């Protein structure tokens, strides 16, 4: 198995993901929201880079059953239906709906990985389900959303735990880049709990805007046994075998 980890979408292009399975991670908070939304019945999620693109796409899809979702500087975009807090994505709100999403980091990472052979979406919320899906994969790219093109400790820890579990399940070794070796070391040292997330820059930034209550959601390991898959810029649940 070959594994490459990327700490920011800014270093990802089609040449590094082409022909591979890519896993995109944005623990705080986009991929946590995606897992929560799909588990609660959302029909599909369309990531976009810019809020203006999100508005245009939502209008084309039909606003009667489409929700605009996303944030800038951690806060819900003006005029959007939902922000970037997993707790907002309840079944009462999202069931049967299409979601168009634009976030500072997460949707950029998803779009950076779109040329991969397969694109999966991971967070702590659905970690084991994604690990199981990767057990037969030979070439893996893990794309961390990071924070404004910089390293994010929560994403790196999630990547490390994911890779560690895949290697344990397959009992195979892996050829990996230096970033992959770093995240494996992190997985030996830290636990994905609320205290850990609060200690990180991303967690502290949420606290500064009064939204650190989201961290309990983001730290909910294996809350859902689902595998979100992105095809042609639409994220939905993986269909059965």
Protein backbone atom coordinates (compact mmCIF):
# COMPACT_ATOMS: atom_id res chain seq x y z
CA UNK A 1 0.00 0.00 0.00
CA UNK A 2 1.20 3.50 -0.76
CA UNK A 3 -0.01 6.42 1.36
CA UNK A 4 0.55 10.12 0.92
CA UNK A 5 -0.79 12.72 3.33
CA UNK A 6 -1.20 16.37 2.39
CA UNK A 7 -1.64 19.00 5.11
CA UNK A 8 -3.34 21.58 2.88
CA UNK A 9 -5.28 21.61 -0.39
CA UNK A 10 -2.83 24.22 -1.67
CA UNK A 11 -0.28 21.44 -2.31
CA UNK A 12 -2.76 19.11 -4.02
CA UNK A 13 -3.30 18.96 -7.76
CA UNK A 14 -4.70 16.34 -10.09
CA UNK A 15 -1.30 14.71 -10.55
CA UNK A 16 -1.05 13.67 -6.88
CA UNK A 17 -4.57 12.25 -6.61
CA UNK A 18 -5.14 10.89 -10.10
CA UNK A 19 -5.71 7.12 -10.07
CA UNK A 20 -5.89 7.04 -6.27
CA UNK A 21 -8.51 6.84 -3.60
CA UNK A 22 -8.56 10.18 -1.81
CA UNK A 23 -9.91 10.80 1.67
CA UNK A 24 -10.73 14.41 2.57
CA UNK A 25 -10.72 15.47 6.24
CA UNK A 26 -11.88 18.71 7.86
CA UNK A 27 -12.64 17.79 11.47
CA UNK A 28 -13.49 21.38 12.50
CA UNK A 29 -16.00 21.39 10.86
CA UNK A 30 -17.02 20.74 7.26
CA UNK A 31 -16.60 16.97 7.00
CA UNK A 32 -18.24 16.57 10.41
CA UNK A 33 -21.24 18.52 9.07
CA UNK A 34 -21.30 16.39 5.93
CA UNK A 35 -21.40 13.16 7.93
CA UNK A 36 -24.11 14.50 10.22
CA UNK A 37 -26.22 15.80 7.32
CA UNK A 38 -26.11 12.59 5.31
CA UNK A 39 -26.80 10.46 8.39
CA UNK A 40 -29.88 12.61 9.01
CA UNK A 41 -31.31 12.16 5.55
CA UNK A 42 -29.86 14.86 3.31
CA UNK A 43 -30.15 13.78 -0.33
CA UNK A 44 -26.80 15.12 -1.40
CA UNK A 45 -24.25 17.84 -0.76
CA UNK A 46 -22.61 20.02 -3.41
CA UNK A 47 -19.31 21.66 -2.33
CA UNK A 48 -18.41 25.01 -3.87
CA UNK A 49 -15.39 27.25 -3.49
CA UNK A 50 -17.11 30.62 -3.22
CA UNK A 51 -20.39 31.79 -1.64
CA UNK A 52 -21.39 33.35 -4.96
CA UNK A 53 -21.01 30.00 -6.68
CA UNK A 54 -23.10 28.38 -3.95
CA UNK A 55 -25.94 30.86 -4.43
CA UNK A 56 -25.93 30.39 -8.20
CA UNK A 57 -25.96 26.60 -7.91
CA UNK A 58 -28.72 26.60 -5.28
CA UNK A 59 -30.90 28.72 -7.55
CA UNK A 60 -30.32 26.38 -10.46
CA UNK A 61 -31.21 23.34 -8.34
CA UNK A 62 -34.36 24.98 -7.02
CA UNK A 63 -34.52 26.74 -3.67
CA UNK A 64 -37.69 24.97 -2.57
CA UNK A 65 -35.71 21.87 -1.58
CA UNK A 66 -32.14 23.20 -1.49
CA UNK A 67 -30.37 24.64 1.55
CA UNK A 68 -27.44 27.05 1.36
CA UNK A 69 -24.81 26.12 3.94
CA UNK A 70 -21.44 27.48 4.93
CA UNK A 71 -19.27 29.93 6.78
CA UNK A 72 -16.64 32.59 6.55
CA UNK A 73 -14.49 33.41 9.57
CA UNK A 74 -16.38 30.63 11.35
CA UNK A 75 -19.77 32.33 11.12
CA UNK A 76 -22.77 31.59 8.93
CA UNK A 77 -22.67 33.46 5.64
CA UNK A 78 -25.25 36.22 5.49
CA UNK A 79 -28.37 35.03 3.69
CA UNK A 80 -27.48 31.34 4.00
CA UNK A 81 -29.79 28.82 5.66
CA UNK A 82 -27.20 27.01 7.76
CA UNK A 83 -23.71 27.68 9.03
CA UNK A 84 -20.96 25.15 9.68
CA UNK A 85 -22.09 23.67 13.02
CA UNK A 86 -22.87 19.93 12.93
CA UNK A 87 -25.68 20.38 15.43
CA UNK A 88 -27.62 22.44 12.90
CA UNK A 89 -27.90 19.52 10.50
CA UNK A 90 -30.77 17.70 12.21
CA UNK A 91 -33.18 15.39 10.43
CA UNK A 92 -35.94 17.98 10.87
CA UNK A 93 -33.88 20.48 8.89
CA UNK A 94 -32.03 18.45 6.24
CA UNK A 95 -34.01 15.28 5.56
CA UNK A 96 -34.91 15.09 1.88
CA UNK A 97 -33.01 18.28 1.09
CA UNK A 98 -30.11 19.03 -1.19
CA UNK A 99 -27.33 21.08 0.40
CA UNK A 100 -24.98 23.48 -1.34
CA UNK A 101 -21.97 24.18 0.86
CA UNK A 102 -19.13 26.69 0.85
CA UNK A 103 -16.61 26.83 3.70
CA UNK A 104 -13.23 28.43 4.20
CA UNK A 105 -11.23 25.22 4.16
CA UNK A 106 -13.27 22.04 3.77
CA UNK A 107 -14.95 22.60 0.44
CA UNK A 108 -11.65 23.77 -1.05
CA UNK A 109 -10.08 20.48 0.01
CA UNK A 110 -12.93 18.49 -1.54
CA UNK A 111 -12.57 20.30 -4.84
CA UNK A 112 -8.79 19.87 -4.78
CA UNK A 113 -9.28 16.09 -4.58
CA UNK A 114 -12.03 15.79 -7.18
CA UNK A 115 -9.82 14.21 -9.86
CA UNK A 116 -9.06 11.18 -7.71
CA UNK A 117 -10.45 7.84 -8.81
CA UNK A 118 -12.61 7.79 -5.68
CA UNK A 119 -13.18 10.59 -3.15
CA UNK A 120 -14.32 9.68 0.36
CA UNK A 121 -15.18 12.10 3.16
CA UNK A 122 -13.96 11.38 6.69
CA UNK A 123 -14.17 12.85 10.17
CA UNK A 124 -14.08 11.40 13.64
CA UNK A 125 -17.84 10.91 13.31
CA UNK A 126 -17.49 8.19 10.66
CA UNK A 127 -13.89 7.08 11.10
CA UNK A 128 -14.37 3.30 11.35
CA UNK A 129 -16.74 3.14 8.39
CA UNK A 130 -14.20 4.88 6.15
CA UNK A 131 -11.39 2.67 7.47
CA UNK A 132 -13.37 -0.43 6.49
CA UNK A 133 -13.89 0.99 3.01
CA UNK A 134 -10.12 1.45 2.60
CA UNK A 135 -9.00 -2.06 3.48
CA UNK A 136 -8.62 -3.12 -0.17
CA UNK A 137 -7.16 0.16 -1.42
CA UNK A 138 -3.64 0.10 -2.83
CA UNK A 139 -2.97 3.80 -3.44
CA UNK A 140 -4.29 6.27 -0.88
CA UNK A 141 -4.08 10.06 -0.70
CA UNK A 142 -5.29 11.76 2.47
CA UNK A 143 -6.09 15.45 2.01
CA UNK A 144 -6.34 17.52 5.18
CA UNK A 145 -8.26 20.77 4.80
CA UNK A 146 -5.98 22.59 7.23
CA UNK A 147 -6.60 26.16 8.34
CA UNK A 148 -6.15 28.77 5.62
CA UNK A 149 -3.46 26.72 3.86
CA UNK A 150 -1.70 25.87 7.12
CA UNK A 151 -1.33 22.72 9.18
CA UNK A 152 -4.30 21.68 11.34
CA UNK A 153 -3.66 19.36 14.27
CA UNK A 154 -7.22 17.90 14.41
CA UNK A 155 -7.12 16.97 10.72
CA UNK A 156 -3.66 15.46 11.10
CA UNK A 157 -4.73 13.38 14.10
CA UNK A 158 -7.78 12.11 12.23
CA UNK A 159 -5.55 11.20 9.28
CA UNK A 160 -3.14 9.37 11.59
CA UNK A 161 -5.87 7.38 13.31
CA UNK A 162 -7.39 6.47 9.96
CA UNK A 163 -4.08 5.24 8.53
CA UNK A 164 -3.18 3.39 11.73
CA UNK A 165 -6.49 1.54 11.71
CA UNK A 166 -6.19 0.66 8.04
CA UNK A 167 -2.70 -0.76 8.57
CA UNK A 168 -3.84 -2.71 11.63
CA UNK A 169 -6.81 -4.15 9.75
CA UNK A 170 -4.83 -5.18 6.69
CA UNK A 171 -1.72 -6.24 8.63
CA UNK A 172 0.30 -4.82 5.77
CA UNK A 173 2.99 -2.21 5.78
CA UNK A 174 2.83 0.95 3.73
CA UNK A 175 5.15 3.13 1.74
CA UNK A 176 4.35 6.67 2.80
CA UNK A 177 5.58 10.23 2.58
CA UNK A 178 7.00 12.17 5.52
CA UNK A 179 3.63 13.70 6.36
CA UNK A 180 2.19 10.20 6.68
CA UNK A 181 4.89 9.26 9.18
CA UNK A 182 4.15 12.42 11.17
CA UNK A 183 0.43 11.73 11.46
CA UNK A 184 1.08 8.15 12.56
CA UNK A 185 3.24 9.51 15.40
CA UNK A 186 0.43 11.90 16.38
CA UNK A 187 -2.00 8.99 16.55
CA UNK A 188 0.21 7.39 19.18
CA UNK A 189 0.27 10.50 21.36
CA UNK A 190 -3.18 12.09 21.32
CA UNK A 191 -6.80 11.09 21.83
CA UNK A 192 -9.63 12.59 19.75
CA UNK A 193 -11.67 14.07 22.57
CA UNK A 194 -13.11 17.48 23.40
CA UNK A 195 -10.14 18.44 25.56
CA UNK A 196 -7.78 17.76 22.68
CA UNK A 197 -9.85 19.79 20.20
CA UNK A 198 -10.11 22.71 22.65
CA UNK A 199 -6.32 22.77 22.94
CA UNK A 200 -5.81 23.27 19.20
CA UNK A 201 -5.76 26.53 17.28
CA UNK A 202 -8.94 25.58 15.46
CA UNK A 203 -10.73 24.79 18.69
CA UNK A 204 -9.52 28.02 20.29
CA UNK A 205 -10.72 29.99 17.27
CA UNK A 206 -14.20 28.53 17.71
CA UNK A 207 -14.10 29.51 21.37
CA UNK A 208 -13.29 33.07 20.43
CA UNK A 209 -16.52 33.34 18.44
CA UNK A 210 -18.58 31.48 21.05
CA UNK A 211 -18.97 28.29 19.07
CA UNK A 212 -16.78 25.83 20.96
CA UNK A 213 -19.91 23.84 21.76
CA UNK A 214 -19.44 22.35 18.28
CA UNK A 215 -16.34 20.53 19.47
CA UNK A 216 -18.33 17.86 21.32
CA UNK A 217 -19.96 16.94 18.01
CA UNK A 218 -16.66 16.98 16.15
CA UNK A 219 -15.06 14.67 18.74
CA UNK A 220 -17.84 12.05 18.53
CA UNK A 221 -15.83 9.09 17.25
CA UNK A 222 -17.91 6.62 15.20
CA UNK A 223 -21.17 8.42 15.79
CA UNK A 224 -22.27 7.23 12.34
CA UNK A 225 -21.45 4.13 10.27
CA UNK A 226 -21.62 5.87 6.89
CA UNK A 227 -19.26 6.48 3.99
CA UNK A 228 -19.83 9.74 2.07
CA UNK A 229 -18.58 9.57 -1.51
CA UNK A 230 -18.13 12.51 -3.89
CA UNK A 231 -18.88 11.98 -7.58
CA UNK A 232 -19.03 14.83 -10.07
CA UNK A 233 -19.02 17.40 -7.27
CA UNK A 234 -21.94 15.78 -5.45
CA UNK A 235 -21.48 14.00 -2.12
CA UNK A 236 -23.85 11.19 -1.24
CA UNK A 237 -23.85 7.98 0.73
CA UNK A 238 -21.97 5.01 -0.69
CA UNK A 239 -24.40 2.53 -2.14
CA UNK A 240 -24.42 -1.09 -1.04
CA UNK A 241 -22.08 -3.71 -2.51
